[in-house]
Amino acid sequence: MLEQKIKLPLFMLRLSVALVMWVWVIDKFVNAEHTVNVWKAFYFVDNLPLNGSYIIGVLQAIVVLAFTFGFKKKISYGIVFIMHLGSTLTPFARYLDPYTLPNILFFPAWTMLAAIFVLYWLRDYDNLGTFGGNAPDISEQV
């Protein structure tokens, strides 16, 4: 059945997105100055203290942990989507000049945004390795 076929791809998609999100979370702690510079360049926060990076990292870690394990999927997947939407849209000027380095490196963000949207949209079927319960029967929804 379709319910069984989509479990593994959704699981792999969630883990791959979570991997990227965890790298960003860890960066807040091991390279807090990078976070300060990112917030200055893209979010117009000129005076984020280094402790601000740690606070953002803790909050982000809580959300990413819930996302990783599929806990409260509507909320955690939604917040991850909104976080990534913000980080995808804020450097918008970079998309208008893709061939000036390193602007081309911003484009994969759109693919990840689409992946997070798919996970949010199909969250009821993303049940492998989650706290989400059983998927509804797709045949009942057709």
Protein backbone atom coordinates (compact mmCIF):
# COMPACT_ATOMS: atom_id res chain seq x y z
CA MET A 1 0.00 0.00 0.00
CA LEU A 2 0.97 3.61 -0.50
CA GLU A 3 1.07 4.24 3.27
CA GLN A 4 3.89 1.70 3.59
CA LYS A 5 5.79 2.95 0.53
CA ILE A 6 6.02 6.55 1.70
CA LYS A 7 7.16 5.83 5.27
CA LEU A 8 10.84 5.30 4.45
CA PRO A 9 11.18 8.23 2.01
CA LEU A 10 9.54 10.60 4.51
CA PHE A 11 11.78 9.28 7.28
CA MET A 12 14.89 9.81 5.15
CA LEU A 13 13.71 13.26 4.11
CA ARG A 14 13.10 14.23 7.75
CA LEU A 15 16.50 12.94 8.86
CA SER A 16 18.32 14.75 6.05
CA VAL A 17 16.58 18.04 6.86
CA ALA A 18 17.26 17.45 10.56
CA LEU A 19 20.96 16.90 9.81
CA VAL A 20 21.20 20.34 8.21
CA MET A 21 19.20 21.92 11.02
CA TRP A 22 21.46 20.31 13.66
CA VAL A 23 24.56 21.71 11.93
CA TRP A 24 23.01 25.17 12.21
CA VAL A 25 22.10 24.60 15.87
CA ILE A 26 25.61 23.44 16.76
CA ASP A 27 27.07 26.42 14.91
CA LYS A 28 25.30 28.70 17.38
CA PHE A 29 27.47 27.22 20.14
CA VAL A 30 30.81 26.46 18.50
CA ASN A 31 30.92 29.59 16.36
CA ALA A 32 28.68 32.12 18.12
CA GLU A 33 30.39 34.99 16.34
CA HIS A 34 29.16 33.59 13.02
CA THR A 35 25.59 33.84 14.33
CA VAL A 36 26.20 37.44 15.40
CA ASN A 37 27.50 38.26 11.90
CA VAL A 38 24.59 36.49 10.17
CA TRP A 39 22.05 38.35 12.27
CA LYS A 40 23.83 41.64 11.52
CA ALA A 41 24.03 40.99 7.76
CA PHE A 42 20.59 39.47 7.14
CA TYR A 43 18.29 40.26 10.08
CA PHE A 44 19.43 43.86 10.75
CA VAL A 45 20.37 43.14 14.38
CA ASP A 46 23.57 45.13 14.87
CA ASN A 47 24.21 44.34 18.51
CA LEU A 48 23.34 40.69 19.15
CA PRO A 49 25.49 39.63 22.11
CA LEU A 50 27.32 36.32 21.98
CA ASN A 51 24.93 35.07 24.66
CA GLY A 52 22.13 35.79 22.19
CA SER A 53 23.59 33.15 19.92
CA TYR A 54 23.40 30.62 22.75
CA ILE A 55 19.81 31.52 23.57
CA ILE A 56 18.81 31.23 19.91
CA GLY A 57 20.69 27.92 19.77
CA VAL A 58 18.83 26.49 22.77
CA LEU A 59 15.44 27.51 21.38
CA GLN A 60 16.32 26.16 17.96
CA ALA A 61 17.61 22.92 19.50
CA ILE A 62 14.28 22.34 21.26
CA VAL A 63 12.37 22.77 18.00
CA VAL A 64 14.82 20.68 15.97
CA LEU A 65 14.76 17.91 18.57
CA ALA A 66 10.95 17.76 18.32
CA PHE A 67 11.21 17.84 14.52
CA THR A 68 13.85 15.10 14.43
CA PHE A 69 11.64 12.71 16.39
CA GLY A 70 8.32 13.79 14.89
CA PHE A 71 6.95 15.12 18.16
CA LYS A 72 3.97 17.48 17.85
CA LYS A 73 4.48 17.41 14.08
CA LYS A 74 2.02 20.14 13.15
CA ILE A 75 3.81 22.56 15.47
CA SER A 76 7.44 21.41 15.14
CA TYR A 77 7.35 20.89 11.36
CA GLY A 78 5.53 24.21 11.00
CA ILE A 79 8.11 26.11 13.06
CA VAL A 80 10.97 24.49 11.14
CA PHE A 81 9.27 25.54 7.89
CA ILE A 82 8.84 29.13 9.12
CA MET A 83 12.46 29.28 10.39
CA HIS A 84 13.78 28.03 7.08
CA LEU A 85 11.43 30.26 5.09
CA GLY A 86 12.88 33.24 6.93
CA SER A 87 16.45 32.18 6.31
CA THR A 88 15.63 31.52 2.65
CA LEU A 89 13.94 34.86 2.01
CA THR A 90 16.19 37.23 3.97
CA PRO A 91 19.14 36.99 1.56
CA PHE A 92 16.80 37.63 -1.40
CA ALA A 93 19.21 40.06 -3.08
CA ARG A 94 21.73 37.21 -3.39
CA TYR A 95 19.32 35.32 -5.65
CA LEU A 96 19.28 38.26 -8.06
CA ASP A 97 23.03 38.01 -8.56
CA PRO A 98 23.66 34.25 -8.53
CA TYR A 99 27.05 34.22 -10.25
CA THR A 100 28.83 36.46 -7.80
CA LEU A 101 30.47 34.17 -5.27
CA PRO A 102 29.25 32.86 -2.87
CA ASN A 103 25.65 33.71 -3.88
CA ILE A 104 25.14 30.49 -5.84
CA LEU A 105 25.44 28.60 -2.53
CA PHE A 106 22.16 30.13 -1.33
CA PHE A 107 20.05 28.36 -3.98
CA PRO A 108 19.85 24.90 -2.34
CA ALA A 109 17.81 26.59 0.39
CA TRP A 110 14.81 26.48 -1.98
CA THR A 111 15.08 22.70 -2.32
CA MET A 112 15.25 22.28 1.44
CA LEU A 113 12.27 24.61 1.86
CA ALA A 114 10.30 22.40 -0.54
CA ALA A 115 11.38 19.29 1.39
CA ILE A 116 10.18 20.79 4.66
CA PHE A 117 6.88 21.72 3.02
CA VAL A 118 6.45 18.12 1.82
CA LEU A 119 7.12 16.87 5.34
CA TYR A 120 4.60 19.32 6.79
CA TRP A 121 2.00 18.47 4.13
CA LEU A 122 2.42 14.70 4.59
CA ARG A 123 3.10 14.82 8.35
CA ASP A 124 0.25 12.38 9.09
CA TYR A 125 2.09 9.76 7.01
CA ASP A 126 5.56 10.44 8.41
CA ASN A 127 5.45 7.90 11.23
CA LEU A 128 8.67 5.92 11.01
CA GLY A 129 10.74 6.75 14.09
CA THR A 130 8.29 9.36 15.38
CA PHE A 131 5.97 9.99 18.28
CA GLY A 132 3.26 10.60 15.67
CA GLY A 133 1.16 7.44 15.78
CA ASN A 134 -0.26 5.55 12.83
CA ALA A 135 -0.95 7.08 9.46
CA PRO A 136 -4.54 7.42 8.34
CA ASP A 137 -5.70 5.05 5.62
CA ILE A 138 -5.07 6.80 2.30
CA SER A 139 -7.79 4.78 0.56
CA GLU A 140 -10.36 6.42 2.86
CA GLN A 141 -9.25 9.86 1.63
CA VAL A 142 -9.46 9.19 -2.11
